[in-house]
Amino acid sequence: MSVSVARVPTHSSSRYLQQLAKHWSHKMEVVFTAEEGTIVFPNASRLEMRASDDTLDLLLTVPDGEDEARMREVVASHLDRFAFREAPLTFDWRQG
């Protein structure tokens, strides 16, 4: 398993968390509140999100054999779509 973390600066973190969770809820296992959310992808990758006043914190766990860079890009591109007014967001992905 590989673990990536990112702290994304935004004052709309709760809104983006909820939009992403709702967007993927019809295809994936999703649990969320206004402050926290978890999405489990079909390839067994897992995204955990936590919203604060000025950041959206992401923890992405990708199973061995899956493309970590691709999963980072999937998450980032979807969040950028929801954040079109302030996109592109800054994703400082690093190993967790």
PDB file of N, CA and C in Angstrom:
ATOM      1  N   MET A   1       0.839  -1.185   0.000  1.00  0.00           N
ATOM      2  CA  MET A   1       0.000   0.000   0.000  1.00  0.00           C
ATOM      3  C   MET A   1       0.877   1.239   0.000  1.00  0.00           C
ATOM      4  N   SER A   2       0.433   2.232  -0.763  1.00  0.00           N
ATOM      5  CA  SER A   2       1.098   3.524  -0.705  1.00  0.00           C
ATOM      6  C   SER A   2       0.106   4.539  -0.159  1.00  0.00           C
ATOM      7  N   VAL A   3       0.625   5.484   0.600  1.00  0.00           N
ATOM      8  CA  VAL A   3      -0.209   6.500   1.227  1.00  0.00           C
ATOM      9  C   VAL A   3       0.297   7.862   0.789  1.00  0.00           C
ATOM     10  N   SER A   4      -0.617   8.690   0.292  1.00  0.00           N
ATOM     11  CA  SER A   4      -0.316  10.059  -0.101  1.00  0.00           C
ATOM     12  C   SER A   4      -1.169  10.999   0.728  1.00  0.00           C
ATOM     13  N   VAL A   5      -0.593  12.120   1.109  1.00  0.00           N
ATOM     14  CA  VAL A   5      -1.343  13.139   1.838  1.00  0.00           C
ATOM     15  C   VAL A   5      -1.182  14.470   1.121  1.00  0.00           C
ATOM     16  N   ALA A   6      -2.211  15.304   1.243  1.00  0.00           N
ATOM     17  CA  ALA A   6      -2.163  16.650   0.675  1.00  0.00           C
ATOM     18  C   ALA A   6      -2.991  17.574   1.553  1.00  0.00           C
ATOM     19  N   ARG A   7      -2.507  18.783   1.704  1.00  0.00           N
ATOM     20  CA  ARG A   7      -3.264  19.849   2.372  1.00  0.00           C
ATOM     21  C   ARG A   7      -3.557  20.885   1.300  1.00  0.00           C
ATOM     22  N   VAL A   8      -4.842  21.030   0.977  1.00  0.00           N
ATOM     23  CA  VAL A   8      -5.276  21.888  -0.115  1.00  0.00           C
ATOM     24  C   VAL A   8      -5.854  23.181   0.469  1.00  0.00           C
ATOM     25  N   PRO A   9      -5.196  24.319   0.214  1.00  0.00           N
ATOM     26  CA  PRO A   9      -5.721  25.576   0.742  1.00  0.00           C
ATOM     27  C   PRO A   9      -7.005  26.002   0.029  1.00  0.00           C
ATOM     28  N   THR A  10      -8.064  26.200   0.781  1.00  0.00           N
ATOM     29  CA  THR A  10      -9.341  26.695   0.249  1.00  0.00           C
ATOM     30  C   THR A  10     -10.250  27.050   1.417  1.00  0.00           C
ATOM     31  N   HIS A  11     -11.048  28.083   1.232  1.00  0.00           N
ATOM     32  CA  HIS A  11     -12.044  28.455   2.244  1.00  0.00           C
ATOM     33  C   HIS A  11     -13.380  27.758   1.980  1.00  0.00           C
ATOM     34  N   SER A  12     -13.431  26.917   0.953  1.00  0.00           N
ATOM     35  CA  SER A  12     -14.664  26.193   0.601  1.00  0.00           C
ATOM     36  C   SER A  12     -14.496  24.694   0.786  1.00  0.00           C
ATOM     37  N   SER A  13     -13.673  24.299   1.726  1.00  0.00           N
ATOM     38  CA  SER A  13     -13.328  22.880   1.875  1.00  0.00           C
ATOM     39  C   SER A  13     -14.544  21.996   2.146  1.00  0.00           C
ATOM     40  N   SER A  14     -15.432  22.421   3.001  1.00  0.00           N
ATOM     41  CA  SER A  14     -16.610  21.606   3.312  1.00  0.00           C
ATOM     42  C   SER A  14     -17.495  21.435   2.076  1.00  0.00           C
ATOM     43  N   ARG A  15     -17.667  22.495   1.332  1.00  0.00           N
ATOM     44  CA  ARG A  15     -18.492  22.409   0.119  1.00  0.00           C
ATOM     45  C   ARG A  15     -17.889  21.418  -0.876  1.00  0.00           C
ATOM     46  N   TYR A  16     -16.582  21.507  -1.104  1.00  0.00           N
ATOM     47  CA  TYR A  16     -15.939  20.617  -2.067  1.00  0.00           C
ATOM     48  C   TYR A  16     -15.957  19.172  -1.587  1.00  0.00           C
ATOM     49  N   LEU A  17     -15.743  18.966  -0.299  1.00  0.00           N
ATOM     50  CA  LEU A  17     -15.806  17.613   0.273  1.00  0.00           C
ATOM     51  C   LEU A  17     -17.180  17.008  -0.007  1.00  0.00           C
ATOM     52  N   GLN A  18     -18.223  17.749   0.280  1.00  0.00           N
ATOM     53  CA  GLN A  18     -19.578  17.232   0.098  1.00  0.00           C
ATOM     54  C   GLN A  18     -19.921  17.023  -1.373  1.00  0.00           C
ATOM     55  N   GLN A  19     -19.478  17.933  -2.238  1.00  0.00           N
ATOM     56  CA  GLN A  19     -19.753  17.769  -3.668  1.00  0.00           C
ATOM     57  C   GLN A  19     -19.069  16.520  -4.213  1.00  0.00           C
ATOM     58  N   LEU A  20     -17.807  16.310  -3.834  1.00  0.00           N
ATOM     59  CA  LEU A  20     -17.087  15.135  -4.311  1.00  0.00           C
ATOM     60  C   LEU A  20     -17.734  13.858  -3.785  1.00  0.00           C
ATOM     61  N   ALA A  21     -18.098  13.843  -2.514  1.00  0.00           N
ATOM     62  CA  ALA A  21     -18.736  12.668  -1.933  1.00  0.00           C
ATOM     63  C   ALA A  21     -20.067  12.356  -2.620  1.00  0.00           C
ATOM     64  N   LYS A  22     -20.878  13.362  -2.830  1.00  0.00           N
ATOM     65  CA  LYS A  22     -22.169  13.144  -3.497  1.00  0.00           C
ATOM     66  C   LYS A  22     -21.969  12.691  -4.938  1.00  0.00           C
ATOM     67  N   HIS A  23     -20.990  13.276  -5.609  1.00  0.00           N
ATOM     68  CA  HIS A  23     -20.712  12.931  -7.006  1.00  0.00           C
ATOM     69  C   HIS A  23     -20.385  11.444  -7.159  1.00  0.00           C
ATOM     70  N   TRP A  24     -19.578  10.925  -6.239  1.00  0.00           N
ATOM     71  CA  TRP A  24     -19.147   9.531  -6.349  1.00  0.00           C
ATOM     72  C   TRP A  24     -20.029   8.551  -5.575  1.00  0.00           C
ATOM     73  N   SER A  25     -21.030   9.047  -4.868  1.00  0.00           N
ATOM     74  CA  SER A  25     -21.837   8.155  -4.025  1.00  0.00           C
ATOM     75  C   SER A  25     -22.670   7.155  -4.813  1.00  0.00           C
ATOM     76  N   HIS A  26     -22.972   7.443  -6.068  1.00  0.00           N
ATOM     77  CA  HIS A  26     -23.772   6.500  -6.852  1.00  0.00           C
ATOM     78  C   HIS A  26     -22.928   5.357  -7.425  1.00  0.00           C
ATOM     79  N   LYS A  27     -21.592   5.481  -7.388  1.00  0.00           N
ATOM     80  CA  LYS A  27     -20.711   4.444  -7.938  1.00  0.00           C
ATOM     81  C   LYS A  27     -19.862   3.746  -6.893  1.00  0.00           C
ATOM     82  N   MET A  28     -19.661   4.403  -5.756  1.00  0.00           N
ATOM     83  CA  MET A  28     -18.692   3.908  -4.789  1.00  0.00           C
ATOM     84  C   MET A  28     -19.261   3.937  -3.380  1.00  0.00           C
ATOM     85  N   GLU A  29     -18.545   3.296  -2.482  1.00  0.00           N
ATOM     86  CA  GLU A  29     -18.912   3.324  -1.069  1.00  0.00           C
ATOM     87  C   GLU A  29     -18.467   4.667  -0.497  1.00  0.00           C
ATOM     88  N   VAL A  30     -19.439   5.465  -0.032  1.00  0.00           N
ATOM     89  CA  VAL A  30     -19.154   6.819   0.434  1.00  0.00           C
ATOM     90  C   VAL A  30     -19.864   7.062   1.763  1.00  0.00           C
ATOM     91  N   VAL A  31     -19.126   7.659   2.703  1.00  0.00           N
ATOM     92  CA  VAL A  31     -19.681   8.103   3.974  1.00  0.00           C
ATOM     93  C   VAL A  31     -19.147   9.511   4.195  1.00  0.00           C
ATOM     94  N   PHE A  32     -20.047  10.463   4.536  1.00  0.00           N
ATOM     95  CA  PHE A  32     -19.538  11.816   4.747  1.00  0.00           C
ATOM     96  C   PHE A  32     -20.466  12.658   5.616  1.00  0.00           C
ATOM     97  N   THR A  33     -19.853  13.655   6.225  1.00  0.00           N
ATOM     98  CA  THR A  33     -20.541  14.734   6.920  1.00  0.00           C
ATOM     99  C   THR A  33     -19.998  16.029   6.313  1.00  0.00           C
ATOM    100  N   ALA A  34     -20.367  17.156   6.880  1.00  0.00           N
ATOM    101  CA  ALA A  34     -19.847  18.427   6.389  1.00  0.00           C
ATOM    102  C   ALA A  34     -18.356  18.578   6.680  1.00  0.00           C
ATOM    103  N   GLU A  35     -17.852  17.840   7.679  1.00  0.00           N
ATOM    104  CA  GLU A  35     -16.456  17.985   8.092  1.00  0.00           C
ATOM    105  C   GLU A  35     -15.538  16.863   7.648  1.00  0.00           C
ATOM    106  N   GLU A  36     -16.072  15.661   7.425  1.00  0.00           N
ATOM    107  CA  GLU A  36     -15.235  14.503   7.104  1.00  0.00           C
ATOM    108  C   GLU A  36     -15.917  13.619   6.070  1.00  0.00           C
ATOM    109  N   GLY A  37     -15.105  12.933   5.288  1.00  0.00           N
ATOM    110  CA  GLY A  37     -15.667  12.014   4.314  1.00  0.00           C
ATOM    111  C   GLY A  37     -14.682  10.926   3.951  1.00  0.00           C
ATOM    112  N   THR A  38     -15.215   9.780   3.567  1.00  0.00           N
ATOM    113  CA  THR A  38     -14.408   8.650   3.114  1.00  0.00           C
ATOM    114  C   THR A  38     -15.042   8.078   1.859  1.00  0.00           C
ATOM    115  N   ILE A  39     -14.196   7.834   0.864  1.00  0.00           N
ATOM    116  CA  ILE A  39     -14.635   7.246  -0.400  1.00  0.00           C
ATOM    117  C   ILE A  39     -13.768   6.028  -0.667  1.00  0.00           C
ATOM    118  N   VAL A  40     -14.414   4.886  -0.931  1.00  0.00           N
ATOM    119  CA  VAL A  40     -13.690   3.655  -1.271  1.00  0.00           C
ATOM    120  C   VAL A  40     -13.944   3.384  -2.753  1.00  0.00           C
ATOM    121  N   PHE A  41     -12.863   3.354  -3.526  1.00  0.00           N
ATOM    122  CA  PHE A  41     -12.937   3.167  -4.974  1.00  0.00           C
ATOM    123  C   PHE A  41     -13.032   1.683  -5.331  1.00  0.00           C
ATOM    124  N   PRO A  42     -13.511   1.360  -6.525  1.00  0.00           N
ATOM    125  CA  PRO A  42     -13.612  -0.038  -6.942  1.00  0.00           C
ATOM    126  C   PRO A  42     -12.275  -0.787  -6.930  1.00  0.00           C
ATOM    127  N   ASN A  43     -11.165  -0.072  -7.106  1.00  0.00           N
ATOM    128  CA  ASN A  43      -9.854  -0.731  -7.094  1.00  0.00           C
ATOM    129  C   ASN A  43      -9.287  -0.862  -5.676  1.00  0.00           C
ATOM    130  N   ALA A  44     -10.127  -0.584  -4.668  1.00  0.00           N
ATOM    131  CA  ALA A  44      -9.786  -0.682  -3.241  1.00  0.00           C
ATOM    132  C   ALA A  44      -8.945   0.484  -2.742  1.00  0.00           C
ATOM    133  N   SER A  45      -8.733   1.510  -3.574  1.00  0.00           N
ATOM    134  CA  SER A  45      -8.119   2.740  -3.072  1.00  0.00           C
ATOM    135  C   SER A  45      -9.122   3.408  -2.142  1.00  0.00           C
ATOM    136  N   ARG A  46      -8.592   4.216  -1.230  1.00  0.00           N
ATOM    137  CA  ARG A  46      -9.448   4.857  -0.228  1.00  0.00           C
ATOM    138  C   ARG A  46      -9.020   6.311  -0.074  1.00  0.00           C
ATOM    139  N   LEU A  47      -9.987   7.226  -0.139  1.00  0.00           N
ATOM    140  CA  LEU A  47      -9.732   8.644   0.059  1.00  0.00           C
ATOM    141  C   LEU A  47     -10.443   9.089   1.330  1.00  0.00           C
ATOM    142  N   GLU A  48      -9.668   9.652   2.250  1.00  0.00           N
ATOM    143  CA  GLU A  48     -10.233  10.227   3.465  1.00  0.00           C
ATOM    144  C   GLU A  48     -10.024  11.734   3.397  1.00  0.00           C
ATOM    145  N   MET A  49     -11.073  12.491   3.732  1.00  0.00           N
ATOM    146  CA  MET A  49     -11.029  13.950   3.631  1.00  0.00           C
ATOM    147  C   MET A  49     -11.454  14.569   4.952  1.00  0.00           C
ATOM    148  N   ARG A  50     -10.830  15.696   5.264  1.00  0.00           N
ATOM    149  CA  ARG A  50     -11.217  16.451   6.455  1.00  0.00           C
ATOM    150  C   ARG A  50     -11.197  17.935   6.098  1.00  0.00           C
ATOM    151  N   ALA A  51     -12.327  18.602   6.334  1.00  0.00           N
ATOM    152  CA  ALA A  51     -12.462  20.017   6.018  1.00  0.00           C
ATOM    153  C   ALA A  51     -12.225  20.859   7.270  1.00  0.00           C
ATOM    154  N   SER A  52     -11.450  21.924   7.103  1.00  0.00           N
ATOM    155  CA  SER A  52     -11.295  22.925   8.159  1.00  0.00           C
ATOM    156  C   SER A  52     -11.650  24.275   7.551  1.00  0.00           C
ATOM    157  N   ASP A  53     -11.466  25.334   8.302  1.00  0.00           N
ATOM    158  CA  ASP A  53     -11.846  26.664   7.811  1.00  0.00           C
ATOM    159  C   ASP A  53     -11.073  27.083   6.572  1.00  0.00           C
ATOM    160  N   ASP A  54      -9.813  26.657   6.466  1.00  0.00           N
ATOM    161  CA  ASP A  54      -8.993  27.150   5.360  1.00  0.00           C
ATOM    162  C   ASP A  54      -8.240  26.074   4.586  1.00  0.00           C
ATOM    163  N   THR A  55      -8.497  24.793   4.882  1.00  0.00           N
ATOM    164  CA  THR A  55      -7.855  23.722   4.109  1.00  0.00           C
ATOM    165  C   THR A  55      -8.771  22.507   3.984  1.00  0.00           C
ATOM    166  N   LEU A  56      -8.504  21.744   2.954  1.00  0.00           N
ATOM    167  CA  LEU A  56      -9.100  20.422   2.788  1.00  0.00           C
ATOM    168  C   LEU A  56      -7.938  19.435   2.849  1.00  0.00           C
ATOM    169  N   ASP A  57      -7.912  18.618   3.890  1.00  0.00           N
ATOM    170  CA  ASP A  57      -6.846  17.642   4.067  1.00  0.00           C
ATOM    171  C   ASP A  57      -7.268  16.313   3.454  1.00  0.00           C
ATOM    172  N   LEU A  58      -6.363  15.738   2.665  1.00  0.00           N
ATOM    173  CA  LEU A  58      -6.633  14.496   1.949  1.00  0.00           C
ATOM    174  C   LEU A  58      -5.645  13.422   2.354  1.00  0.00           C
ATOM    175  N   LEU A  59      -6.133  12.219   2.536  1.00  0.00           N
ATOM    176  CA  LEU A  59      -5.310  11.043   2.793  1.00  0.00           C
ATOM    177  C   LEU A  59      -5.761   9.981   1.795  1.00  0.00           C
ATOM    178  N   LEU A  60      -4.891   9.647   0.865  1.00  0.00           N
ATOM    179  CA  LEU A  60      -5.212   8.707  -0.209  1.00  0.00           C
ATOM    180  C   LEU A  60      -4.377   7.446  -0.035  1.00  0.00           C
ATOM    181  N   THR A  61      -5.040   6.316   0.140  1.00  0.00           N
ATOM    182  CA  THR A  61      -4.376   5.028   0.279  1.00  0.00           C
ATOM    183  C   THR A  61      -4.639   4.221  -0.984  1.00  0.00           C
ATOM    184  N   VAL A  62      -3.559   3.785  -1.631  1.00  0.00           N
ATOM    185  CA  VAL A  62      -3.657   3.060  -2.901  1.00  0.00           C
ATOM    186  C   VAL A  62      -3.010   1.692  -2.735  1.00  0.00           C
ATOM    187  N   PRO A  63      -3.720   0.603  -3.068  1.00  0.00           N
ATOM    188  CA  PRO A  63      -3.155  -0.737  -2.922  1.00  0.00           C
ATOM    189  C   PRO A  63      -1.954  -0.957  -3.840  1.00  0.00           C
ATOM    190  N   ASP A  64      -1.091  -1.861  -3.439  1.00  0.00           N
ATOM    191  CA  ASP A  64       0.034  -2.245  -4.290  1.00  0.00           C
ATOM    192  C   ASP A  64      -0.495  -2.716  -5.635  1.00  0.00           C
ATOM    193  N   GLY A  65       0.208  -2.351  -6.684  1.00  0.00           N
ATOM    194  CA  GLY A  65      -0.196  -2.753  -8.028  1.00  0.00           C
ATOM    195  C   GLY A  65      -1.102  -1.754  -8.717  1.00  0.00           C
ATOM    196  N   GLU A  66      -1.611  -0.780  -7.978  1.00  0.00           N
ATOM    197  CA  GLU A  66      -2.448   0.263  -8.572  1.00  0.00           C
ATOM    198  C   GLU A  66      -1.586   1.498  -8.810  1.00  0.00           C
ATOM    199  N   ASP A  67      -2.005   2.355  -9.716  1.00  0.00           N
ATOM    200  CA  ASP A  67      -1.250   3.535 -10.127  1.00  0.00           C
ATOM    201  C   ASP A  67      -1.533   4.707  -9.183  1.00  0.00           C
ATOM    202  N   GLU A  68      -0.599   4.965  -8.280  1.00  0.00           N
ATOM    203  CA  GLU A  68      -0.766   6.030  -7.291  1.00  0.00           C
ATOM    204  C   GLU A  68      -0.879   7.407  -7.954  1.00  0.00           C
ATOM    205  N   ALA A  69      -0.043   7.682  -8.936  1.00  0.00           N
ATOM    206  CA  ALA A  69      -0.073   8.973  -9.620  1.00  0.00           C
ATOM    207  C   ALA A  69      -1.416   9.198 -10.310  1.00  0.00           C
ATOM    208  N   ARG A  70      -1.945   8.161 -10.917  1.00  0.00           N
ATOM    209  CA  ARG A  70      -3.245   8.266 -11.583  1.00  0.00           C
ATOM    210  C   ARG A  70      -4.348   8.556 -10.576  1.00  0.00           C
ATOM    211  N   MET A  71      -4.321   7.890  -9.424  1.00  0.00           N
ATOM    212  CA  MET A  71      -5.340   8.121  -8.399  1.00  0.00           C
ATOM    213  C   MET A  71      -5.251   9.549  -7.851  1.00  0.00           C
ATOM    214  N   ARG A  72      -4.032  10.043  -7.662  1.00  0.00           N
ATOM    215  CA  ARG A  72      -3.862  11.437  -7.227  1.00  0.00           C
ATOM    216  C   ARG A  72      -4.499  12.382  -8.243  1.00  0.00           C
ATOM    217  N   GLU A  73      -4.260  12.112  -9.517  1.00  0.00           N
ATOM    218  CA  GLU A  73      -4.787  12.964 -10.583  1.00  0.00           C
ATOM    219  C   GLU A  73      -6.315  12.883 -10.662  1.00  0.00           C
ATOM    220  N   VAL A  74      -6.888  11.709 -10.472  1.00  0.00           N
ATOM    221  CA  VAL A  74      -8.347  11.546 -10.485  1.00  0.00           C
ATOM    222  C   VAL A  74      -8.973  12.416  -9.388  1.00  0.00           C
ATOM    223  N   VAL A  75      -8.415  12.338  -8.190  1.00  0.00           N
ATOM    224  CA  VAL A  75      -8.942  13.123  -7.072  1.00  0.00           C
ATOM    225  C   VAL A  75      -8.773  14.613  -7.350  1.00  0.00           C
ATOM    226  N   ALA A  76      -7.571  15.024  -7.742  1.00  0.00           N
ATOM    227  CA  ALA A  76      -7.292  16.449  -7.975  1.00  0.00           C
ATOM    228  C   ALA A  76      -8.165  17.015  -9.103  1.00  0.00           C
ATOM    229  N   SER A  77      -8.300  16.293 -10.197  1.00  0.00           N
ATOM    230  CA  SER A  77      -9.067  16.825 -11.329  1.00  0.00           C
ATOM    231  C   SER A  77     -10.548  16.966 -10.976  1.00  0.00           C
ATOM    232  N   HIS A  78     -11.076  16.024 -10.209  1.00  0.00           N
ATOM    233  CA  HIS A  78     -12.480  16.141  -9.813  1.00  0.00           C
ATOM    234  C   HIS A  78     -12.681  17.318  -8.862  1.00  0.00           C
ATOM    235  N   LEU A  79     -11.797  17.489  -7.909  1.00  0.00           N
ATOM    236  CA  LEU A  79     -11.930  18.630  -6.998  1.00  0.00           C
ATOM    237  C   LEU A  79     -11.780  19.951  -7.747  1.00  0.00           C
ATOM    238  N   ASP A  80     -10.869  20.006  -8.708  1.00  0.00           N
ATOM    239  CA  ASP A  80     -10.716  21.228  -9.500  1.00  0.00           C
ATOM    240  C   ASP A  80     -11.985  21.562 -10.274  1.00  0.00           C
ATOM    241  N   ARG A  81     -12.712  20.561 -10.737  1.00  0.00           N
ATOM    242  CA  ARG A  81     -13.976  20.823 -11.440  1.00  0.00           C
ATOM    243  C   ARG A  81     -14.986  21.512 -10.526  1.00  0.00           C
ATOM    244  N   PHE A  82     -15.047  21.055  -9.267  1.00  0.00           N
ATOM    245  CA  PHE A  82     -15.982  21.657  -8.319  1.00  0.00           C
ATOM    246  C   PHE A  82     -15.501  23.036  -7.872  1.00  0.00           C
ATOM    247  N   ALA A  83     -14.207  23.272  -7.932  1.00  0.00           N
ATOM    248  CA  ALA A  83     -13.619  24.536  -7.485  1.00  0.00           C
ATOM    249  C   ALA A  83     -13.329  25.449  -8.665  1.00  0.00           C
ATOM    250  N   PHE A  84     -14.147  25.393  -9.693  1.00  0.00           N
ATOM    251  CA  PHE A  84     -13.838  26.120 -10.932  1.00  0.00           C
ATOM    252  C   PHE A  84     -13.628  27.613 -10.705  1.00  0.00           C
ATOM    253  N   ARG A  85     -14.232  28.188  -9.680  1.00  0.00           N
ATOM    254  CA  ARG A  85     -14.049  29.619  -9.423  1.00  0.00           C
ATOM    255  C   ARG A  85     -12.651  29.943  -8.910  1.00  0.00           C
ATOM    256  N   GLU A  86     -12.010  28.988  -8.251  1.00  0.00           N
ATOM    257  CA  GLU A  86     -10.669  29.220  -7.717  1.00  0.00           C
ATOM    258  C   GLU A  86      -9.635  28.224  -8.251  1.00  0.00           C
ATOM    259  N   ALA A  87     -10.027  27.408  -9.199  1.00  0.00           N
ATOM    260  CA  ALA A  87      -9.116  26.398  -9.754  1.00  0.00           C
ATOM    261  C   ALA A  87      -8.027  27.072 -10.581  1.00  0.00           C
ATOM    262  N   PRO A  88      -6.887  26.444 -10.692  1.00  0.00           N
ATOM    263  CA  PRO A  88      -6.588  25.146 -10.109  1.00  0.00           C
ATOM    264  C   PRO A  88      -6.200  25.268  -8.639  1.00  0.00           C
ATOM    265  N   LEU A  89      -6.670  24.312  -7.859  1.00  0.00           N
ATOM    266  CA  LEU A  89      -6.283  24.237  -6.460  1.00  0.00           C
ATOM    267  C   LEU A  89      -4.835  23.763  -6.366  1.00  0.00           C
ATOM    268  N   THR A  90      -4.215  24.009  -5.227  1.00  0.00           N
ATOM    269  CA  THR A  90      -2.840  23.578  -5.003  1.00  0.00           C
ATOM    270  C   THR A  90      -2.833  22.275  -4.222  1.00  0.00           C
ATOM    271  N   PHE A  91      -2.320  21.216  -4.830  1.00  0.00           N
ATOM    272  CA  PHE A  91      -2.217  19.913  -4.186  1.00  0.00           C
ATOM    273  C   PHE A  91      -0.745  19.640  -3.914  1.00  0.00           C
ATOM    274  N   ASP A  92      -0.362  19.633  -2.667  1.00  0.00           N
ATOM    275  CA  ASP A  92       1.034  19.390  -2.297  1.00  0.00           C
ATOM    276  C   ASP A  92       1.228  17.909  -1.926  1.00  0.00           C
ATOM    277  N   TRP A  93       0.889  17.017  -2.839  1.00  0.00           N
ATOM    278  CA  TRP A  93       0.939  15.584  -2.564  1.00  0.00           C
ATOM    279  C   TRP A  93       2.330  15.190  -2.084  1.00  0.00           C
ATOM    280  N   ARG A  94       2.364  14.371  -1.052  1.00  0.00           N
ATOM    281  CA  ARG A  94       3.612  13.795  -0.543  1.00  0.00           C
ATOM    282  C   ARG A  94       3.301  12.439   0.074  1.00  0.00           C
ATOM    283  N   GLN A  95       4.326  11.636   0.226  1.00  0.00           N
ATOM    284  CA  GLN A  95       4.143  10.314   0.827  1.00  0.00           C
ATOM    285  C   GLN A  95       3.715  10.474   2.280  1.00  0.00           C
ATOM    286  N   GLY A  96       2.757   9.653   2.708  1.00  0.00           N
ATOM    287  CA  GLY A  96       2.208   9.770   4.055  1.00  0.00           C
ATOM    288  C   GLY A  96       2.898   8.917   5.067  1.00  0.00           C
TER     289      GLY A  96
END
